[in-house]
Amino acid sequence: MTKLDVLLGDYPHTRPLKDGTVPVDGVECRFRTAKPLYSAFPRMVRDLAFDVCEMPVATFLQAREAGVPVTLLPVVLIGAAHHGSLTRLPDSPELDPRRLAGKRIGVRSYGQTTGLWVRGILREDYGVHASEITWVTTEEAHVASYRDPTNVERWASGSVAELLRAGDVDAAVLGPRAIGTQGTPLVPVIKDAEAAGRAWCERHGTVPANHLLVVRDDVLKTERDAVTALYRALAQTIADTAAQRDPATPAGRAVAAGWSDALVNCLHIAARYALEQQVVRTPVDLVGIERDMAFLAD
């Protein structure tokens, strides 16, 4: 039986795999853990620490540009609309998202996927370019060779919320799952953020993906059947748990398996945003990414 080291977050659609409710034919999956989950991502792109690994969209784009030998699998593990991910302290002055040029905004890393989506939203919906803002980070990029743009500063230590409390930034980027864990109540900078997020998703025919799935190229080469079996089992658990997700919400619609128009649209937009923001410096080869996944149709 083939053995695969697999790193997946803990979600309703991954638990049936992890607890063995849904078996992976011919494969013994050794499910690894990481707390926090994002601590596993630099281990994957720097050391290829896992055979199959959950990975943020921006990290994957940077890793591909850097030549990291991983292949994308068409699975969206989590995603959300991100108009509500640009936050401020509730007792701080209100901010107009159209007037953020010259402001300082905290984000865990410039290459963080939530930051990618927020900066794209600011440019597209409010006319403010990433280069007009000073981005203050608390961590380096997952990909070791990546270098931040010149308008990025590194804070010595602490969390993004501590940046806000220290008064060193005017606003902060925090993903939906992180907003409630910072020890500080936060409010969205963008008014009616939920409605604005739904409108963005309807306009683009997709939901911003946060985490996808990748496999090491050497594992794919030698254990293609095992990788395919894992993918199909995960697609089954995603389908089986559909009733646990609210299809009326972007987050509920985001989780999916399979190459689809929604995923194509998502990757095209993410690739465009990434190039505009210097998250990557060369155009993303989306045709090549799709071609690499063709084995799943065999």
C-alpha atoms as a PDB file:
ATOM      1  CA  MET A   1       0.000   0.000   0.000  1.00  0.00           C
ATOM      2  CA  THR A   2       1.344   3.430  -0.970  1.00  0.00           C
ATOM      3  CA  LYS A   3       1.970   5.836   1.901  1.00  0.00           C
ATOM      4  CA  LEU A   4       1.463   9.584   1.552  1.00  0.00           C
ATOM      5  CA  ASP A   5       2.300  12.286   4.078  1.00  0.00           C
ATOM      6  CA  VAL A   6      -0.609  14.733   3.842  1.00  0.00           C
ATOM      7  CA  LEU A   7      -1.134  18.108   5.498  1.00  0.00           C
ATOM      8  CA  LEU A   8      -4.736  19.334   5.542  1.00  0.00           C
ATOM      9  CA  GLY A   9      -6.541  21.774   7.788  1.00  0.00           C
ATOM     10  CA  ASP A  10      -9.377  20.637  10.003  1.00  0.00           C
ATOM     11  CA  TYR A  11     -12.646  21.272   8.142  1.00  0.00           C
ATOM     12  CA  PRO A  12     -15.942  19.390   7.852  1.00  0.00           C
ATOM     13  CA  HIS A  13     -14.906  18.317   4.349  1.00  0.00           C
ATOM     14  CA  THR A  14     -11.495  16.984   5.426  1.00  0.00           C
ATOM     15  CA  ARG A  15     -12.486  15.195   8.640  1.00  0.00           C
ATOM     16  CA  PRO A  16     -14.003  12.127   6.887  1.00  0.00           C
ATOM     17  CA  LEU A  17     -10.600  11.535   5.303  1.00  0.00           C
ATOM     18  CA  LYS A  18      -8.670  12.113   8.498  1.00  0.00           C
ATOM     19  CA  ASP A  19     -10.844   9.846  10.636  1.00  0.00           C
ATOM     20  CA  GLY A  20     -10.990   7.126   8.002  1.00  0.00           C
ATOM     21  CA  THR A  21     -14.725   7.405   7.331  1.00  0.00           C
ATOM     22  CA  VAL A  22     -13.877   7.838   3.649  1.00  0.00           C
ATOM     23  CA  PRO A  23     -10.923   5.607   2.719  1.00  0.00           C
ATOM     24  CA  VAL A  24      -8.418   6.392  -0.006  1.00  0.00           C
ATOM     25  CA  ASP A  25      -8.204   3.330  -2.237  1.00  0.00           C
ATOM     26  CA  GLY A  26      -4.813   1.687  -2.062  1.00  0.00           C
ATOM     27  CA  VAL A  27      -3.272   4.523  -0.026  1.00  0.00           C
ATOM     28  CA  GLU A  28      -2.282   4.905   3.596  1.00  0.00           C
ATOM     29  CA  CYS A  29      -2.545   8.610   4.291  1.00  0.00           C
ATOM     30  CA  ARG A  30      -0.440   9.787   7.211  1.00  0.00           C
ATOM     31  CA  PHE A  31      -2.148  13.028   8.132  1.00  0.00           C
ATOM     32  CA  ARG A  32       0.227  15.575   9.637  1.00  0.00           C
ATOM     33  CA  THR A  33      -0.722  18.572  11.752  1.00  0.00           C
ATOM     34  CA  ALA A  34       0.593  22.096  12.186  1.00  0.00           C
ATOM     35  CA  LYS A  35      -0.490  24.769  14.654  1.00  0.00           C
ATOM     36  CA  PRO A  36      -1.033  27.346  13.453  1.00  0.00           C
ATOM     37  CA  LEU A  37      -1.779  25.815  10.074  1.00  0.00           C
ATOM     38  CA  TYR A  38       0.135  28.490   8.164  1.00  0.00           C
ATOM     39  CA  SER A  39       3.365  27.414   9.879  1.00  0.00           C
ATOM     40  CA  ALA A  40       3.359  24.377   7.560  1.00  0.00           C
ATOM     41  CA  PHE A  41       3.391  26.399   4.344  1.00  0.00           C
ATOM     42  CA  PRO A  42       7.013  27.622   4.475  1.00  0.00           C
ATOM     43  CA  ARG A  43       8.047  24.075   5.383  1.00  0.00           C
ATOM     44  CA  MET A  44       6.400  22.848   2.204  1.00  0.00           C
ATOM     45  CA  VAL A  45       7.784  25.439  -0.215  1.00  0.00           C
ATOM     46  CA  ARG A  46      11.268  25.520   1.345  1.00  0.00           C
ATOM     47  CA  ASP A  47      11.799  21.892   2.358  1.00  0.00           C
ATOM     48  CA  LEU A  48       9.056  19.948   0.518  1.00  0.00           C
ATOM     49  CA  ALA A  49       8.100  18.594   3.931  1.00  0.00           C
ATOM     50  CA  PHE A  50       4.895  16.836   2.825  1.00  0.00           C
ATOM     51  CA  ASP A  51       3.814  14.757  -0.156  1.00  0.00           C
ATOM     52  CA  VAL A  52       0.487  16.587  -0.479  1.00  0.00           C
ATOM     53  CA  CYS A  53      -0.170  19.890   1.250  1.00  0.00           C
ATOM     54  CA  GLU A  54      -2.791  22.570   1.614  1.00  0.00           C
ATOM     55  CA  MET A  55      -1.382  25.826   0.251  1.00  0.00           C
ATOM     56  CA  PRO A  56      -2.529  29.452  -0.022  1.00  0.00           C
ATOM     57  CA  VAL A  57      -3.094  30.824  -3.525  1.00  0.00           C
ATOM     58  CA  ALA A  58      -0.451  33.550  -3.268  1.00  0.00           C
ATOM     59  CA  THR A  59       2.112  31.122  -1.846  1.00  0.00           C
ATOM     60  CA  PHE A  60       1.501  28.740  -4.745  1.00  0.00           C
ATOM     61  CA  LEU A  61       1.937  31.524  -7.323  1.00  0.00           C
ATOM     62  CA  GLN A  62       5.187  32.651  -5.680  1.00  0.00           C
ATOM     63  CA  ALA A  63       6.421  29.070  -5.349  1.00  0.00           C
ATOM     64  CA  ARG A  64       5.735  28.345  -9.006  1.00  0.00           C
ATOM     65  CA  GLU A  65       7.610  31.478 -10.043  1.00  0.00           C
ATOM     66  CA  ALA A  66      10.530  30.423  -7.822  1.00  0.00           C
ATOM     67  CA  GLY A  67      10.657  26.983  -9.434  1.00  0.00           C
ATOM     68  CA  VAL A  68       9.472  25.017  -6.411  1.00  0.00           C
ATOM     69  CA  PRO A  69       8.558  21.566  -7.789  1.00  0.00           C
ATOM     70  CA  VAL A  70       4.893  21.327  -6.821  1.00  0.00           C
ATOM     71  CA  THR A  71       1.772  20.836  -8.933  1.00  0.00           C
ATOM     72  CA  LEU A  72      -1.642  22.304  -8.211  1.00  0.00           C
ATOM     73  CA  LEU A  73      -4.613  20.020  -7.633  1.00  0.00           C
ATOM     74  CA  PRO A  74      -8.024  21.588  -8.404  1.00  0.00           C
ATOM     75  CA  VAL A  75      -9.389  21.721  -4.861  1.00  0.00           C
ATOM     76  CA  VAL A  76     -10.501  24.849  -3.006  1.00  0.00           C
ATOM     77  CA  LEU A  77     -10.347  24.041   0.687  1.00  0.00           C
ATOM     78  CA  ILE A  78     -11.379  27.466   1.992  1.00  0.00           C
ATOM     79  CA  GLY A  79     -12.322  30.790   0.460  1.00  0.00           C
ATOM     80  CA  ALA A  80     -14.333  33.900   1.265  1.00  0.00           C
ATOM     81  CA  ALA A  81     -15.250  37.387   0.153  1.00  0.00           C
ATOM     82  CA  HIS A  82     -12.667  39.747   1.629  1.00  0.00           C
ATOM     83  CA  HIS A  83     -14.241  43.195   1.734  1.00  0.00           C
ATOM     84  CA  GLY A  84     -14.606  42.624   5.487  1.00  0.00           C
ATOM     85  CA  SER A  85     -10.969  41.584   5.944  1.00  0.00           C
ATOM     86  CA  LEU A  86      -9.678  45.173   6.014  1.00  0.00           C
ATOM     87  CA  THR A  87     -10.268  46.172   9.631  1.00  0.00           C
ATOM     88  CA  ARG A  88      -9.729  48.924  12.183  1.00  0.00           C
ATOM     89  CA  LEU A  89     -10.187  49.408  15.904  1.00  0.00           C
ATOM     90  CA  PRO A  90     -13.808  50.287  16.781  1.00  0.00           C
ATOM     91  CA  ASP A  91     -12.792  53.492  18.577  1.00  0.00           C
ATOM     92  CA  SER A  92     -10.427  54.656  15.810  1.00  0.00           C
ATOM     93  CA  PRO A  93     -11.418  57.245  13.196  1.00  0.00           C
ATOM     94  CA  GLU A  94     -13.508  55.952  10.321  1.00  0.00           C
ATOM     95  CA  LEU A  95     -11.582  55.469   7.087  1.00  0.00           C
ATOM     96  CA  ASP A  96     -12.760  56.021   3.540  1.00  0.00           C
ATOM     97  CA  PRO A  97     -11.409  53.131   1.435  1.00  0.00           C
ATOM     98  CA  ARG A  98     -11.079  55.596  -1.462  1.00  0.00           C
ATOM     99  CA  ARG A  99      -8.698  57.736   0.614  1.00  0.00           C
ATOM    100  CA  LEU A 100      -6.206  55.194   1.852  1.00  0.00           C
ATOM    101  CA  ALA A 101      -3.291  56.466  -0.245  1.00  0.00           C
ATOM    102  CA  GLY A 102      -0.500  57.449   2.145  1.00  0.00           C
ATOM    103  CA  LYS A 103      -1.890  55.323   4.980  1.00  0.00           C
ATOM    104  CA  ARG A 104      -0.176  52.453   6.789  1.00  0.00           C
ATOM    105  CA  ILE A 105      -1.854  49.051   6.813  1.00  0.00           C
ATOM    106  CA  GLY A 106      -0.724  46.004   8.762  1.00  0.00           C
ATOM    107  CA  VAL A 107      -0.692  42.526   7.253  1.00  0.00           C
ATOM    108  CA  ARG A 108       0.972  39.362   8.505  1.00  0.00           C
ATOM    109  CA  SER A 109       3.040  39.037   5.313  1.00  0.00           C
ATOM    110  CA  TYR A 110       2.945  40.914   2.034  1.00  0.00           C
ATOM    111  CA  GLY A 111       2.582  37.532   0.321  1.00  0.00           C
ATOM    112  CA  GLN A 112      -0.398  36.534   2.468  1.00  0.00           C
ATOM    113  CA  THR A 113      -3.350  35.540   0.287  1.00  0.00           C
ATOM    114  CA  THR A 114      -5.920  37.579   2.201  1.00  0.00           C
ATOM    115  CA  GLY A 115      -3.736  40.640   1.633  1.00  0.00           C
ATOM    116  CA  LEU A 116      -3.573  39.822  -2.086  1.00  0.00           C
ATOM    117  CA  TRP A 117      -7.360  39.855  -2.310  1.00  0.00           C
ATOM    118  CA  VAL A 118      -7.758  42.994  -0.166  1.00  0.00           C
ATOM    119  CA  ARG A 119      -5.230  44.963  -2.246  1.00  0.00           C
ATOM    120  CA  GLY A 120      -6.961  43.834  -5.438  1.00  0.00           C
ATOM    121  CA  ILE A 121     -10.310  44.945  -4.074  1.00  0.00           C
ATOM    122  CA  LEU A 122      -8.913  48.343  -3.079  1.00  0.00           C
ATOM    123  CA  ARG A 123      -7.569  48.958  -6.583  1.00  0.00           C
ATOM    124  CA  GLU A 124     -10.540  47.551  -8.467  1.00  0.00           C
ATOM    125  CA  ASP A 125     -13.427  48.847  -6.363  1.00  0.00           C
ATOM    126  CA  TYR A 126     -11.938  51.969  -4.768  1.00  0.00           C
ATOM    127  CA  GLY A 127      -9.136  53.139  -7.080  1.00  0.00           C
ATOM    128  CA  VAL A 128      -6.293  52.827  -4.555  1.00  0.00           C
ATOM    129  CA  HIS A 129      -3.176  51.018  -5.755  1.00  0.00           C
ATOM    130  CA  ALA A 130      -1.037  48.818  -3.524  1.00  0.00           C
ATOM    131  CA  SER A 131       1.971  51.035  -4.246  1.00  0.00           C
ATOM    132  CA  GLU A 132       0.201  54.050  -2.682  1.00  0.00           C
ATOM    133  CA  ILE A 133       0.072  52.406   0.759  1.00  0.00           C
ATOM    134  CA  THR A 134       2.810  51.455   3.218  1.00  0.00           C
ATOM    135  CA  TRP A 135       2.308  47.801   4.158  1.00  0.00           C
ATOM    136  CA  VAL A 136       3.662  46.891   7.588  1.00  0.00           C
ATOM    137  CA  THR A 137       4.317  43.168   8.064  1.00  0.00           C
ATOM    138  CA  THR A 138       5.006  40.952  11.065  1.00  0.00           C
ATOM    139  CA  GLU A 139       6.378  37.925   9.172  1.00  0.00           C
ATOM    140  CA  GLU A 140       8.405  37.124   6.081  1.00  0.00           C
ATOM    141  CA  ALA A 141       7.043  35.454   2.970  1.00  0.00           C
ATOM    142  CA  HIS A 142       6.696  31.675   2.891  1.00  0.00           C
ATOM    143  CA  VAL A 143       8.927  31.493  -0.197  1.00  0.00           C
ATOM    144  CA  ALA A 144      12.460  32.269   1.009  1.00  0.00           C
ATOM    145  CA  SER A 145      13.679  33.871  -2.232  1.00  0.00           C
ATOM    146  CA  TYR A 146      10.839  36.408  -2.415  1.00  0.00           C
ATOM    147  CA  ARG A 147      11.689  40.056  -1.769  1.00  0.00           C
ATOM    148  CA  ASP A 148       9.037  42.561  -0.716  1.00  0.00           C
ATOM    149  CA  PRO A 149       8.390  45.755  -2.707  1.00  0.00           C
ATOM    150  CA  THR A 150      10.005  48.930  -1.385  1.00  0.00           C
ATOM    151  CA  ASN A 151       6.755  50.183   0.179  1.00  0.00           C
ATOM    152  CA  VAL A 152       6.734  47.264   2.649  1.00  0.00           C
ATOM    153  CA  GLU A 153       8.123  47.647   6.176  1.00  0.00           C
ATOM    154  CA  ARG A 154       8.814  44.883   8.689  1.00  0.00           C
ATOM    155  CA  TRP A 155       7.656  45.360  12.283  1.00  0.00           C
ATOM    156  CA  ALA A 156      10.055  43.937  14.832  1.00  0.00           C
ATOM    157  CA  SER A 157       7.672  41.601  16.631  1.00  0.00           C
ATOM    158  CA  GLY A 158       4.073  41.009  17.632  1.00  0.00           C
ATOM    159  CA  SER A 159       0.780  40.360  15.887  1.00  0.00           C
ATOM    160  CA  VAL A 160      -1.094  42.420  13.352  1.00  0.00           C
ATOM    161  CA  ALA A 161      -3.638  43.373  16.010  1.00  0.00           C
ATOM    162  CA  GLU A 162      -0.793  44.638  18.207  1.00  0.00           C
ATOM    163  CA  LEU A 163       0.252  46.892  15.343  1.00  0.00           C
ATOM    164  CA  LEU A 164      -3.207  48.445  15.513  1.00  0.00           C
ATOM    165  CA  ARG A 165      -3.166  48.782  19.289  1.00  0.00           C
ATOM    166  CA  ALA A 166       0.286  50.376  19.143  1.00  0.00           C
ATOM    167  CA  GLY A 167      -1.042  52.990  16.723  1.00  0.00           C
ATOM    168  CA  ASP A 168       1.615  52.094  14.152  1.00  0.00           C
ATOM    169  CA  VAL A 169      -0.944  51.375  11.424  1.00  0.00           C
ATOM    170  CA  ASP A 170      -4.275  52.859  10.453  1.00  0.00           C
ATOM    171  CA  ALA A 171      -5.888  49.549   9.523  1.00  0.00           C
ATOM    172  CA  ALA A 172      -5.048  45.860   9.334  1.00  0.00           C
ATOM    173  CA  VAL A 173      -5.696  42.915   7.044  1.00  0.00           C
ATOM    174  CA  LEU A 174      -7.037  39.858   8.843  1.00  0.00           C
ATOM    175  CA  GLY A 175      -8.785  36.869   7.309  1.00  0.00           C
ATOM    176  CA  PRO A 176     -12.321  35.971   8.447  1.00  0.00           C
ATOM    177  CA  ARG A 177     -11.008  33.140  10.638  1.00  0.00           C
ATOM    178  CA  ALA A 178      -8.428  35.402  12.308  1.00  0.00           C
ATOM    179  CA  ILE A 179     -10.555  38.453  13.086  1.00  0.00           C
ATOM    180  CA  GLY A 180     -12.108  36.890  16.183  1.00  0.00           C
ATOM    181  CA  THR A 181      -8.853  35.530  17.607  1.00  0.00           C
ATOM    182  CA  GLN A 182      -6.796  38.699  18.046  1.00  0.00           C
ATOM    183  CA  GLY A 183      -7.927  39.688  21.532  1.00  0.00           C
ATOM    184  CA  THR A 184      -9.271  42.950  20.139  1.00  0.00           C
ATOM    185  CA  PRO A 185     -12.725  43.673  18.680  1.00  0.00           C
ATOM    186  CA  LEU A 186     -12.341  44.932  15.134  1.00  0.00           C
ATOM    187  CA  VAL A 187     -14.711  46.456  12.596  1.00  0.00           C
ATOM    188  CA  PRO A 188     -14.516  46.531   8.783  1.00  0.00           C
ATOM    189  CA  VAL A 189     -13.128  49.633   7.109  1.00  0.00           C
ATOM    190  CA  ILE A 190     -15.474  49.082   4.154  1.00  0.00           C
ATOM    191  CA  LYS A 191     -19.077  49.843   5.051  1.00  0.00           C
ATOM    192  CA  ASP A 192     -21.636  47.218   4.033  1.00  0.00           C
ATOM    193  CA  ALA A 193     -18.705  44.865   3.505  1.00  0.00           C
ATOM    194  CA  GLU A 194     -20.902  41.771   3.247  1.00  0.00           C
ATOM    195  CA  ALA A 195     -23.011  43.242   0.443  1.00  0.00           C
ATOM    196  CA  ALA A 196     -19.927  44.582  -1.329  1.00  0.00           C
ATOM    197  CA  GLY A 197     -18.323  41.142  -1.154  1.00  0.00           C
ATOM    198  CA  ARG A 198     -21.380  39.425  -2.600  1.00  0.00           C
ATOM    199  CA  ALA A 199     -21.458  41.973  -5.436  1.00  0.00           C
ATOM    200  CA  TRP A 200     -17.779  41.291  -6.239  1.00  0.00           C
ATOM    201  CA  CYS A 201     -18.424  37.555  -6.378  1.00  0.00           C
ATOM    202  CA  GLU A 202     -21.448  37.975  -8.632  1.00  0.00           C
ATOM    203  CA  ARG A 203     -19.543  40.312 -10.943  1.00  0.00           C
ATOM    204  CA  HIS A 204     -16.612  37.924 -11.322  1.00  0.00           C
ATOM    205  CA  GLY A 205     -18.440  34.616 -11.265  1.00  0.00           C
ATOM    206  CA  THR A 206     -16.220  33.238  -8.523  1.00  0.00           C
ATOM    207  CA  VAL A 207     -15.312  33.439  -4.840  1.00  0.00           C
ATOM    208  CA  PRO A 208     -11.772  34.399  -3.782  1.00  0.00           C
ATOM    209  CA  ALA A 209     -10.011  31.158  -2.880  1.00  0.00           C
ATOM    210  CA  ASN A 210      -7.629  31.200   0.050  1.00  0.00           C
ATOM    211  CA  HIS A 211      -6.275  27.662   0.237  1.00  0.00           C
ATOM    212  CA  LEU A 212      -5.805  25.164  -2.568  1.00  0.00           C
ATOM    213  CA  LEU A 213      -3.958  21.820  -2.639  1.00  0.00           C
ATOM    214  CA  VAL A 214      -0.557  20.911  -4.094  1.00  0.00           C
ATOM    215  CA  VAL A 215       1.463  17.737  -4.578  1.00  0.00           C
ATOM    216  CA  ARG A 216       5.230  17.377  -4.844  1.00  0.00           C
ATOM    217  CA  ASP A 217       6.283  16.758  -8.437  1.00  0.00           C
ATOM    218  CA  ASP A 218       8.430  13.748  -7.565  1.00  0.00           C
ATOM    219  CA  VAL A 219       5.516  12.141  -5.708  1.00  0.00           C
ATOM    220  CA  LEU A 220       3.210  12.843  -8.633  1.00  0.00           C
ATOM    221  CA  LYS A 221       5.694  11.218 -10.990  1.00  0.00           C
ATOM    222  CA  THR A 222       6.146   8.022  -8.964  1.00  0.00           C
ATOM    223  CA  GLU A 223       2.743   7.726  -7.249  1.00  0.00           C
ATOM    224  CA  ARG A 224       0.283   9.201  -9.724  1.00  0.00           C
ATOM    225  CA  ASP A 225      -2.423   6.611  -8.999  1.00  0.00           C
ATOM    226  CA  ALA A 226      -2.189   7.283  -5.275  1.00  0.00           C
ATOM    227  CA  VAL A 227      -2.438  11.048  -5.786  1.00  0.00           C
ATOM    228  CA  THR A 228      -5.455  10.543  -8.043  1.00  0.00           C
ATOM    229  CA  ALA A 229      -7.099   8.315  -5.438  1.00  0.00           C
ATOM    230  CA  LEU A 230      -6.548  10.938  -2.725  1.00  0.00           C
ATOM    231  CA  TYR A 231      -7.967  13.665  -4.942  1.00  0.00           C
ATOM    232  CA  ARG A 232     -11.073  11.604  -5.751  1.00  0.00           C
ATOM    233  CA  ALA A 233     -11.638  10.748  -2.090  1.00  0.00           C
ATOM    234  CA  LEU A 234     -11.392  14.423  -1.146  1.00  0.00           C
ATOM    235  CA  ALA A 235     -13.784  15.335  -3.962  1.00  0.00           C
ATOM    236  CA  GLN A 236     -16.186  12.767  -2.494  1.00  0.00           C
ATOM    237  CA  THR A 237     -15.975  14.217   1.015  1.00  0.00           C
ATOM    238  CA  ILE A 238     -16.540  17.720  -0.367  1.00  0.00           C
ATOM    239  CA  ALA A 239     -19.655  16.490  -2.162  1.00  0.00           C
ATOM    240  CA  ASP A 240     -20.848  14.488   0.859  1.00  0.00           C
ATOM    241  CA  THR A 241     -20.580  17.462   3.218  1.00  0.00           C
ATOM    242  CA  ALA A 242     -22.209  20.009   0.898  1.00  0.00           C
ATOM    243  CA  ALA A 243     -25.268  20.265   3.162  1.00  0.00           C
ATOM    244  CA  GLN A 244     -23.020  21.564   5.963  1.00  0.00           C
ATOM    245  CA  ARG A 245     -22.080  24.634   3.907  1.00  0.00           C
ATOM    246  CA  ASP A 246     -24.404  27.556   3.289  1.00  0.00           C
ATOM    247  CA  PRO A 247     -24.637  28.051  -0.500  1.00  0.00           C
ATOM    248  CA  ALA A 248     -25.996  31.550   0.101  1.00  0.00           C
ATOM    249  CA  THR A 249     -22.611  32.684   1.417  1.00  0.00           C
ATOM    250  CA  PRO A 250     -19.366  33.107  -0.539  1.00  0.00           C
ATOM    251  CA  ALA A 251     -17.514  30.942   1.995  1.00  0.00           C
ATOM    252  CA  GLY A 252     -20.083  28.195   1.513  1.00  0.00           C
ATOM    253  CA  ARG A 253     -19.788  28.314  -2.270  1.00  0.00           C
ATOM    254  CA  ALA A 254     -15.992  28.494  -2.307  1.00  0.00           C
ATOM    255  CA  VAL A 255     -15.251  24.910  -1.252  1.00  0.00           C
ATOM    256  CA  ALA A 256     -15.126  22.742  -4.363  1.00  0.00           C
ATOM    257  CA  ALA A 257     -13.194  20.078  -6.227  1.00  0.00           C
ATOM    258  CA  GLY A 258     -12.647  19.970  -9.978  1.00  0.00           C
ATOM    259  CA  TRP A 259     -11.489  22.253 -12.751  1.00  0.00           C
ATOM    260  CA  SER A 260     -14.382  24.680 -13.252  1.00  0.00           C
ATOM    261  CA  ASP A 261     -15.177  28.101 -14.669  1.00  0.00           C
ATOM    262  CA  ALA A 262     -15.241  29.444 -11.108  1.00  0.00           C
ATOM    263  CA  LEU A 263     -11.731  28.156 -10.402  1.00  0.00           C
ATOM    264  CA  VAL A 264     -10.445  29.423 -13.762  1.00  0.00           C
ATOM    265  CA  ASN A 265     -11.884  32.868 -13.035  1.00  0.00           C
ATOM    266  CA  CYS A 266     -10.427  32.840  -9.533  1.00  0.00           C
ATOM    267  CA  LEU A 267      -6.915  31.938 -10.697  1.00  0.00           C
ATOM    268  CA  HIS A 268      -7.003  34.479 -13.538  1.00  0.00           C
ATOM    269  CA  ILE A 269      -7.954  37.264 -11.121  1.00  0.00           C
ATOM    270  CA  ALA A 270      -5.460  36.166  -8.468  1.00  0.00           C
ATOM    271  CA  ALA A 271      -2.689  36.003 -11.079  1.00  0.00           C
ATOM    272  CA  ARG A 272      -3.543  39.490 -12.345  1.00  0.00           C
ATOM    273  CA  TYR A 273      -3.683  40.935  -8.838  1.00  0.00           C
ATOM    274  CA  ALA A 274      -0.390  39.239  -7.931  1.00  0.00           C
ATOM    275  CA  LEU A 275       1.438  40.752 -10.907  1.00  0.00           C
ATOM    276  CA  GLU A 276      -0.036  44.215 -10.311  1.00  0.00           C
ATOM    277  CA  GLN A 277       1.062  44.115  -6.662  1.00  0.00           C
ATOM    278  CA  GLN A 278       4.514  42.584  -7.260  1.00  0.00           C
ATOM    279  CA  VAL A 279       3.532  39.489  -5.312  1.00  0.00           C
ATOM    280  CA  VAL A 280       4.992  37.860  -8.415  1.00  0.00           C
ATOM    281  CA  ARG A 281       7.193  39.651 -10.944  1.00  0.00           C
ATOM    282  CA  THR A 282       6.455  37.573 -14.067  1.00  0.00           C
ATOM    283  CA  PRO A 283       3.108  36.670 -15.668  1.00  0.00           C
ATOM    284  CA  VAL A 284       1.595  33.458 -14.339  1.00  0.00           C
ATOM    285  CA  ASP A 285       1.443  30.557 -16.813  1.00  0.00           C
ATOM    286  CA  LEU A 286      -2.196  29.604 -16.250  1.00  0.00           C
ATOM    287  CA  VAL A 287      -2.244  27.388 -19.333  1.00  0.00           C
ATOM    288  CA  GLY A 288       0.654  25.424 -17.897  1.00  0.00           C
ATOM    289  CA  ILE A 289      -1.075  25.116 -14.527  1.00  0.00           C
ATOM    290  CA  GLU A 290      -4.166  23.675 -16.200  1.00  0.00           C
ATOM    291  CA  ARG A 291      -2.078  21.363 -18.373  1.00  0.00           C
ATOM    292  CA  ASP A 292      -0.296  19.978 -15.315  1.00  0.00           C
ATOM    293  CA  MET A 293      -3.637  18.871 -13.863  1.00  0.00           C
ATOM    294  CA  ALA A 294      -4.765  17.023 -16.988  1.00  0.00           C
ATOM    295  CA  PHE A 295      -3.840  13.630 -15.482  1.00  0.00           C
ATOM    296  CA  LEU A 296      -6.912  13.840 -13.242  1.00  0.00           C
ATOM    297  CA  ALA A 297      -9.132  13.535 -16.341  1.00  0.00           C
ATOM    298  CA  ASP A 298      -7.485  10.263 -17.385  1.00  0.00           C
END
